[in-house]
PDB file of N, CA and C in Angstrom:
ATOM      1  N   MET A   1       0.851  -1.165   0.000  1.00  0.00           N
ATOM      2  CA  MET A   1       0.000   0.000   0.000  1.00  0.00           C
ATOM      3  C   MET A   1       0.898   1.230   0.000  1.00  0.00           C
ATOM      4  N   HIS A   2       0.515   2.233  -0.748  1.00  0.00           N
ATOM      5  CA  HIS A   2       1.292   3.458  -0.866  1.00  0.00           C
ATOM      6  C   HIS A   2       0.356   4.647  -0.687  1.00  0.00           C
ATOM      7  N   ARG A   3       0.781   5.627   0.096  1.00  0.00           N
ATOM      8  CA  ARG A   3      -0.018   6.832   0.319  1.00  0.00           C
ATOM      9  C   ARG A   3       0.921   8.022   0.312  1.00  0.00           C
ATOM     10  N   VAL A   4       0.443   9.161  -0.178  1.00  0.00           N
ATOM     11  CA  VAL A   4       1.242  10.384  -0.212  1.00  0.00           C
ATOM     12  C   VAL A   4       0.502  11.465   0.568  1.00  0.00           C
ATOM     13  N   PHE A   5       1.226  12.121   1.481  1.00  0.00           N
ATOM     14  CA  PHE A   5       0.700  13.230   2.262  1.00  0.00           C
ATOM     15  C   PHE A   5       1.484  14.487   1.896  1.00  0.00           C
ATOM     16  N   SER A   6       0.834  15.638   1.917  1.00  0.00           N
ATOM     17  CA  SER A   6       1.508  16.907   1.645  1.00  0.00           C
ATOM     18  C   SER A   6       1.707  17.670   2.946  1.00  0.00           C
ATOM     19  N   HIS A   7       2.864  18.337   3.037  1.00  0.00           N
ATOM     20  CA  HIS A   7       3.154  19.183   4.200  1.00  0.00           C
ATOM     21  C   HIS A   7       4.177  20.230   3.792  1.00  0.00           C
ATOM     22  N   ARG A   8       3.775  21.507   3.819  1.00  0.00           N
ATOM     23  CA  ARG A   8       4.676  22.629   3.569  1.00  0.00           C
ATOM     24  C   ARG A   8       5.447  22.489   2.255  1.00  0.00           C
ATOM     25  N   ASN A   9       4.738  22.194   1.195  1.00  0.00           N
ATOM     26  CA  ASN A   9       5.292  22.046  -0.163  1.00  0.00           C
ATOM     27  C   ASN A   9       6.188  20.824  -0.329  1.00  0.00           C
ATOM     28  N   PHE A  10       6.144  19.896   0.591  1.00  0.00           N
ATOM     29  CA  PHE A  10       6.855  18.628   0.474  1.00  0.00           C
ATOM     30  C   PHE A  10       5.826  17.517   0.388  1.00  0.00           C
ATOM     31  N   GLU A  11       6.241  16.368  -0.113  1.00  0.00           N
ATOM     32  CA  GLU A  11       5.395  15.176  -0.134  1.00  0.00           C
ATOM     33  C   GLU A  11       6.029  14.112   0.742  1.00  0.00           C
ATOM     34  N   ILE A  12       5.211  13.491   1.573  1.00  0.00           N
ATOM     35  CA  ILE A  12       5.647  12.392   2.429  1.00  0.00           C
ATOM     36  C   ILE A  12       5.083  11.120   1.806  1.00  0.00           C
ATOM     37  N   HIS A  13       5.957  10.292   1.253  1.00  0.00           N
ATOM     38  CA  HIS A  13       5.558   9.047   0.598  1.00  0.00           C
ATOM     39  C   HIS A  13       5.671   7.917   1.616  1.00  0.00           C
ATOM     40  N   VAL A  14       4.541   7.271   1.892  1.00  0.00           N
ATOM     41  CA  VAL A  14       4.503   6.190   2.878  1.00  0.00           C
ATOM     42  C   VAL A  14       4.223   4.881   2.153  1.00  0.00           C
ATOM     43  N   LYS A  15       5.020   3.865   2.454  1.00  0.00           N
ATOM     44  CA  LYS A  15       4.829   2.534   1.864  1.00  0.00           C
ATOM     45  C   LYS A  15       4.634   1.536   2.999  1.00  0.00           C
ATOM     46  N   LEU A  16       3.541   0.775   2.927  1.00  0.00           N
ATOM     47  CA  LEU A  16       3.266  -0.274   3.907  1.00  0.00           C
ATOM     48  C   LEU A  16       3.544  -1.628   3.276  1.00  0.00           C
ATOM     49  N   THR A  17       4.223  -2.481   4.029  1.00  0.00           N
ATOM     50  CA  THR A  17       4.526  -3.840   3.594  1.00  0.00           C
ATOM     51  C   THR A  17       3.994  -4.793   4.648  1.00  0.00           C
ATOM     52  N   GLU A  18       3.179  -5.755   4.232  1.00  0.00           N
ATOM     53  CA  GLU A  18       2.576  -6.673   5.195  1.00  0.00           C
ATOM     54  C   GLU A  18       3.651  -7.507   5.884  1.00  0.00           C
ATOM     55  N   ALA A  19       3.644  -7.455   7.227  1.00  0.00           N
ATOM     56  CA  ALA A  19       4.597  -8.219   8.034  1.00  0.00           C
ATOM     57  C   ALA A  19       3.964  -9.514   8.524  1.00  0.00           C
ATOM     58  N   SER A  20       2.681  -9.450   8.846  1.00  0.00           N
ATOM     59  CA  SER A  20       1.895 -10.619   9.229  1.00  0.00           C
ATOM     60  C   SER A  20       0.440 -10.263   8.968  1.00  0.00           C
ATOM     61  N   SER A  21      -0.451 -11.187   9.200  1.00  0.00           N
ATOM     62  CA  SER A  21      -1.855 -10.968   8.868  1.00  0.00           C
ATOM     63  C   SER A  21      -2.396  -9.703   9.546  1.00  0.00           C
ATOM     64  N   GLY A  22      -2.706  -8.678   8.738  1.00  0.00           N
ATOM     65  CA  GLY A  22      -3.298  -7.452   9.248  1.00  0.00           C
ATOM     66  C   GLY A  22      -2.323  -6.464   9.856  1.00  0.00           C
ATOM     67  N   LEU A  23      -1.037  -6.788   9.897  1.00  0.00           N
ATOM     68  CA  LEU A  23      -0.034  -5.893  10.477  1.00  0.00           C
ATOM     69  C   LEU A  23       1.024  -5.560   9.430  1.00  0.00           C
ATOM     70  N   TYR A  24       1.492  -4.320   9.472  1.00  0.00           N
ATOM     71  CA  TYR A  24       2.363  -3.819   8.416  1.00  0.00           C
ATOM     72  C   TYR A  24       3.583  -3.105   8.978  1.00  0.00           C
ATOM     73  N   ASP A  25       4.698  -3.259   8.267  1.00  0.00           N
ATOM     74  CA  ASP A  25       5.870  -2.425   8.487  1.00  0.00           C
ATOM     75  C   ASP A  25       5.703  -1.212   7.585  1.00  0.00           C
ATOM     76  N   ALA A  26       6.263  -0.076   7.996  1.00  0.00           N
ATOM     77  CA  ALA A  26       6.099   1.150   7.219  1.00  0.00           C
ATOM     78  C   ALA A  26       7.441   1.819   6.977  1.00  0.00           C
ATOM     79  N   THR A  27       7.585   2.379   5.786  1.00  0.00           N
ATOM     80  CA  THR A  27       8.723   3.228   5.459  1.00  0.00           C
ATOM     81  C   THR A  27       8.171   4.525   4.885  1.00  0.00           C
ATOM     82  N   PHE A  28       8.953   5.598   5.013  1.00  0.00           N
ATOM     83  CA  PHE A  28       8.561   6.857   4.402  1.00  0.00           C
ATOM     84  C   PHE A  28       9.789   7.544   3.829  1.00  0.00           C
ATOM     85  N   ARG A  29       9.528   8.409   2.853  1.00  0.00           N
ATOM     86  CA  ARG A  29      10.568   9.277   2.306  1.00  0.00           C
ATOM     87  C   ARG A  29       9.914  10.593   1.934  1.00  0.00           C
ATOM     88  N   ILE A  30      10.715  11.635   1.909  1.00  0.00           N
ATOM     89  CA  ILE A  30      10.207  12.979   1.679  1.00  0.00           C
ATOM     90  C   ILE A  30      10.774  13.499   0.364  1.00  0.00           C
ATOM     91  N   THR A  31       9.889  14.066  -0.464  1.00  0.00           N
ATOM     92  CA  THR A  31      10.309  14.642  -1.743  1.00  0.00           C
ATOM     93  C   THR A  31       9.692  16.022  -1.888  1.00  0.00           C
ATOM     94  N   GLY A  32      10.157  16.761  -2.902  1.00  0.00           N
ATOM     95  CA  GLY A  32       9.569  18.050  -3.233  1.00  0.00           C
ATOM     96  C   GLY A  32      10.206  19.198  -2.490  1.00  0.00           C
ATOM     97  N   GLY A  33       9.470  20.282  -2.377  1.00  0.00           N
ATOM     98  CA  GLY A  33       9.980  21.476  -1.719  1.00  0.00           C
ATOM     99  C   GLY A  33      10.839  22.302  -2.655  1.00  0.00           C
ATOM    100  N   ASP A  34      11.174  23.496  -2.207  1.00  0.00           N
ATOM    101  CA  ASP A  34      11.924  24.441  -3.028  1.00  0.00           C
ATOM    102  C   ASP A  34      13.426  24.363  -2.817  1.00  0.00           C
ATOM    103  N   ASN A  35      13.865  23.780  -1.718  1.00  0.00           N
ATOM    104  CA  ASN A  35      15.280  23.781  -1.367  1.00  0.00           C
ATOM    105  C   ASN A  35      15.881  22.416  -1.668  1.00  0.00           C
ATOM    106  N   ALA A  36      16.684  22.331  -2.720  1.00  0.00           N
ATOM    107  CA  ALA A  36      17.256  21.041  -3.138  1.00  0.00           C
ATOM    108  C   ALA A  36      18.131  20.429  -2.057  1.00  0.00           C
ATOM    109  N   GLY A  37      18.836  21.244  -1.284  1.00  0.00           N
ATOM    110  CA  GLY A  37      19.672  20.726  -0.200  1.00  0.00           C
ATOM    111  C   GLY A  37      18.848  20.037   0.865  1.00  0.00           C
ATOM    112  N   VAL A  38      17.683  20.587   1.154  1.00  0.00           N
ATOM    113  CA  VAL A  38      16.795  19.969   2.143  1.00  0.00           C
ATOM    114  C   VAL A  38      16.269  18.648   1.612  1.00  0.00           C
ATOM    115  N   VAL A  39      15.893  18.609   0.335  1.00  0.00           N
ATOM    116  CA  VAL A  39      15.374  17.370  -0.247  1.00  0.00           C
ATOM    117  C   VAL A  39      16.439  16.283  -0.203  1.00  0.00           C
ATOM    118  N   ASP A  40      17.684  16.631  -0.512  1.00  0.00           N
ATOM    119  CA  ASP A  40      18.766  15.643  -0.428  1.00  0.00           C
ATOM    120  C   ASP A  40      18.894  15.102   0.982  1.00  0.00           C
ATOM    121  N   GLU A  41      18.756  15.972   1.967  1.00  0.00           N
ATOM    122  CA  GLU A  41      18.877  15.555   3.362  1.00  0.00           C
ATOM    123  C   GLU A  41      17.707  14.676   3.791  1.00  0.00           C
ATOM    124  N   LEU A  42      16.510  14.955   3.271  1.00  0.00           N
ATOM    125  CA  LEU A  42      15.302  14.246   3.699  1.00  0.00           C
ATOM    126  C   LEU A  42      14.926  13.071   2.811  1.00  0.00           C
ATOM    127  N   GLY A  43      15.537  12.935   1.640  1.00  0.00           N
ATOM    128  CA  GLY A  43      15.046  12.017   0.621  1.00  0.00           C
ATOM    129  C   GLY A  43      15.269  10.536   0.842  1.00  0.00           C
ATOM    130  N   ALA A  44      16.040  10.147   1.836  1.00  0.00           N
ATOM    131  CA  ALA A  44      16.299   8.723   2.065  1.00  0.00           C
ATOM    132  C   ALA A  44      15.051   8.031   2.607  1.00  0.00           C
ATOM    133  N   GLU A  45      14.879   6.777   2.221  1.00  0.00           N
ATOM    134  CA  GLU A  45      13.761   5.997   2.755  1.00  0.00           C
ATOM    135  C   GLU A  45      14.084   5.609   4.197  1.00  0.00           C
ATOM    136  N   THR A  46      13.131   5.848   5.094  1.00  0.00           N
ATOM    137  CA  THR A  46      13.325   5.607   6.522  1.00  0.00           C
ATOM    138  C   THR A  46      12.265   4.641   7.022  1.00  0.00           C
ATOM    139  N   ARG A  47      12.676   3.639   7.758  1.00  0.00           N
ATOM    140  CA  ARG A  47      11.754   2.627   8.294  1.00  0.00           C
ATOM    141  C   ARG A  47      11.291   3.047   9.686  1.00  0.00           C
ATOM    142  N   LEU A  48       9.995   2.921   9.944  1.00  0.00           N
ATOM    143  CA  LEU A  48       9.468   3.183  11.282  1.00  0.00           C
ATOM    144  C   LEU A  48       9.864   2.048  12.212  1.00  0.00           C
ATOM    145  N   ARG A  49      10.292   2.396  13.406  1.00  0.00           N
ATOM    146  CA  ARG A  49      10.678   1.387  14.391  1.00  0.00           C
ATOM    147  C   ARG A  49       9.464   0.950  15.216  1.00  0.00           C
ATOM    148  N   ASN A  50       9.644  -0.117  15.960  1.00  0.00           N
ATOM    149  CA  ASN A  50       8.652  -0.626  16.916  1.00  0.00           C
ATOM    150  C   ASN A  50       7.389  -1.156  16.255  1.00  0.00           C
ATOM    151  N   GLY A  51       7.474  -1.542  14.984  1.00  0.00           N
ATOM    152  CA  GLY A  51       6.330  -2.131  14.292  1.00  0.00           C
ATOM    153  C   GLY A  51       6.327  -3.625  14.492  1.00  0.00           C
ATOM    154  N   PRO A  52       5.446  -4.326  13.858  1.00  0.00           N
ATOM    155  CA  PRO A  52       4.501  -3.853  12.850  1.00  0.00           C
ATOM    156  C   PRO A  52       3.283  -3.180  13.483  1.00  0.00           C
ATOM    157  N   PHE A  53       2.521  -2.481  12.632  1.00  0.00           N
ATOM    158  CA  PHE A  53       1.379  -1.696  13.062  1.00  0.00           C
ATOM    159  C   PHE A  53       0.145  -2.078  12.244  1.00  0.00           C
ATOM    160  N   THR A  54      -1.026  -1.673  12.741  1.00  0.00           N
ATOM    161  CA  THR A  54      -2.222  -1.753  11.902  1.00  0.00           C
ATOM    162  C   THR A  54      -2.036  -0.735  10.776  1.00  0.00           C
ATOM    163  N   PRO A  55      -2.715  -0.900   9.655  1.00  0.00           N
ATOM    164  CA  PRO A  55      -2.526   0.049   8.549  1.00  0.00           C
ATOM    165  C   PRO A  55      -2.818   1.499   8.950  1.00  0.00           C
ATOM    166  N   GLU A  56      -3.890   1.704   9.688  1.00  0.00           N
ATOM    167  CA  GLU A  56      -4.268   3.058  10.084  1.00  0.00           C
ATOM    168  C   GLU A  56      -3.201   3.695  10.965  1.00  0.00           C
ATOM    169  N   ARG A  57      -2.713   2.932  11.924  1.00  0.00           N
ATOM    170  CA  ARG A  57      -1.696   3.443  12.852  1.00  0.00           C
ATOM    171  C   ARG A  57      -0.376   3.697  12.121  1.00  0.00           C
ATOM    172  N   ALA A  58       0.000   2.820  11.225  1.00  0.00           N
ATOM    173  CA  ALA A  58       1.240   2.996  10.466  1.00  0.00           C
ATOM    174  C   ALA A  58       1.188   4.273   9.631  1.00  0.00           C
ATOM    175  N   LEU A  59       0.069   4.516   8.954  1.00  0.00           N
ATOM    176  CA  LEU A  59      -0.067   5.727   8.148  1.00  0.00           C
ATOM    177  C   LEU A  59      -0.038   6.974   9.021  1.00  0.00           C
ATOM    178  N   GLN A  60      -0.718   6.925  10.159  1.00  0.00           N
ATOM    179  CA  GLN A  60      -0.752   8.071  11.068  1.00  0.00           C
ATOM    180  C   GLN A  60       0.647   8.400  11.590  1.00  0.00           C
ATOM    181  N   ILE A  61       1.352   7.393  12.057  1.00  0.00           N
ATOM    182  CA  ILE A  61       2.696   7.614  12.600  1.00  0.00           C
ATOM    183  C   ILE A  61       3.631   8.136  11.512  1.00  0.00           C
ATOM    184  N   ALA A  62       3.620   7.528  10.339  1.00  0.00           N
ATOM    185  CA  ALA A  62       4.513   7.951   9.258  1.00  0.00           C
ATOM    186  C   ALA A  62       4.229   9.389   8.833  1.00  0.00           C
ATOM    187  N   GLU A  63       2.958   9.765   8.743  1.00  0.00           N
ATOM    188  CA  GLU A  63       2.618  11.142   8.382  1.00  0.00           C
ATOM    189  C   GLU A  63       3.139  12.113   9.440  1.00  0.00           C
ATOM    190  N   GLU A  64       2.907  11.808  10.717  1.00  0.00           N
ATOM    191  CA  GLU A  64       3.343  12.699  11.795  1.00  0.00           C
ATOM    192  C   GLU A  64       4.864  12.805  11.862  1.00  0.00           C
ATOM    193  N   VAL A  65       5.555  11.679  11.722  1.00  0.00           N
ATOM    194  CA  VAL A  65       7.023  11.696  11.756  1.00  0.00           C
ATOM    195  C   VAL A  65       7.565  12.481  10.563  1.00  0.00           C
ATOM    196  N   GLY A  66       6.970  12.314   9.398  1.00  0.00           N
ATOM    197  CA  GLY A  66       7.391  13.080   8.230  1.00  0.00           C
ATOM    198  C   GLY A  66       7.210  14.573   8.431  1.00  0.00           C
ATOM    199  N   GLN A  67       6.076  14.974   9.001  1.00  0.00           N
ATOM    200  CA  GLN A  67       5.826  16.389   9.263  1.00  0.00           C
ATOM    201  C   GLN A  67       6.836  16.955  10.259  1.00  0.00           C
ATOM    202  N   VAL A  68       7.094  16.224  11.326  1.00  0.00           N
ATOM    203  CA  VAL A  68       8.056  16.675  12.338  1.00  0.00           C
ATOM    204  C   VAL A  68       9.455  16.781  11.739  1.00  0.00           C
ATOM    205  N   THR A  69       9.811  15.837  10.892  1.00  0.00           N
ATOM    206  CA  THR A  69      11.125  15.864  10.247  1.00  0.00           C
ATOM    207  C   THR A  69      11.273  17.103   9.371  1.00  0.00           C
ATOM    208  N   ILE A  70      10.268  17.389   8.568  1.00  0.00           N
ATOM    209  CA  ILE A  70      10.304  18.584   7.720  1.00  0.00           C
ATOM    210  C   ILE A  70      10.424  19.830   8.584  1.00  0.00           C
ATOM    211  N   ASP A  71       9.609  19.932   9.620  1.00  0.00           N
ATOM    212  CA  ASP A  71       9.644  21.098  10.502  1.00  0.00           C
ATOM    213  C   ASP A  71      10.999  21.253  11.182  1.00  0.00           C
ATOM    214  N   ALA A  72      11.610  20.146  11.587  1.00  0.00           N
ATOM    215  CA  ALA A  72      12.904  20.208  12.263  1.00  0.00           C
ATOM    216  C   ALA A  72      14.002  20.690  11.321  1.00  0.00           C
ATOM    217  N   VAL A  73      13.937  20.284  10.060  1.00  0.00           N
ATOM    218  CA  VAL A  73      14.996  20.643   9.114  1.00  0.00           C
ATOM    219  C   VAL A  73      14.836  22.073   8.596  1.00  0.00           C
ATOM    220  N   ILE A  74      13.609  22.490   8.277  1.00  0.00           N
ATOM    221  CA  ILE A  74      13.440  23.829   7.693  1.00  0.00           C
ATOM    222  C   ILE A  74      12.925  24.851   8.689  1.00  0.00           C
ATOM    223  N   GLY A  75      12.611  24.445   9.913  1.00  0.00           N
ATOM    224  CA  GLY A  75      12.130  25.376  10.924  1.00  0.00           C
ATOM    225  C   GLY A  75      10.624  25.305  11.069  1.00  0.00           C
ATOM    226  N   GLU A  76      10.158  25.733  12.222  1.00  0.00           N
ATOM    227  CA  GLU A  76       8.727  25.709  12.515  1.00  0.00           C
ATOM    228  C   GLU A  76       7.953  26.602  11.563  1.00  0.00           C
ATOM    229  N   ASP A  77       6.728  26.203  11.262  1.00  0.00           N
ATOM    230  CA  ASP A  77       5.827  27.001  10.439  1.00  0.00           C
ATOM    231  C   ASP A  77       5.352  28.186  11.270  1.00  0.00           C
ATOM    232  N   ALA A  78       5.433  29.385  10.732  1.00  0.00           N
ATOM    233  CA  ALA A  78       5.075  30.596  11.468  1.00  0.00           C
ATOM    234  C   ALA A  78       3.572  30.754  11.657  1.00  0.00           C
ATOM    235  N   SER A  79       2.747  30.015  10.928  1.00  0.00           N
ATOM    236  CA  SER A  79       1.298  30.207  11.028  1.00  0.00           C
ATOM    237  C   SER A  79       0.690  29.534  12.216  1.00  0.00           C
TER     238      SER A  79
END
């Protein structure tokens, strides 16, 4: 399963791989944005630890971790 989330002009690509019946391991990578240096820093595929997870939980965690990663690298959103 693959899902894409948007955050601050970046895309968080989440891939779920079935680990056992109904439970999934998750990886994410970040693409896009205006700053090529930031994309290079964020673009590696990263595996979520402490899995496997239900699909809903895996997607939620990966989206939140991706958002926090973007915010940490480029700074907090002023809004």
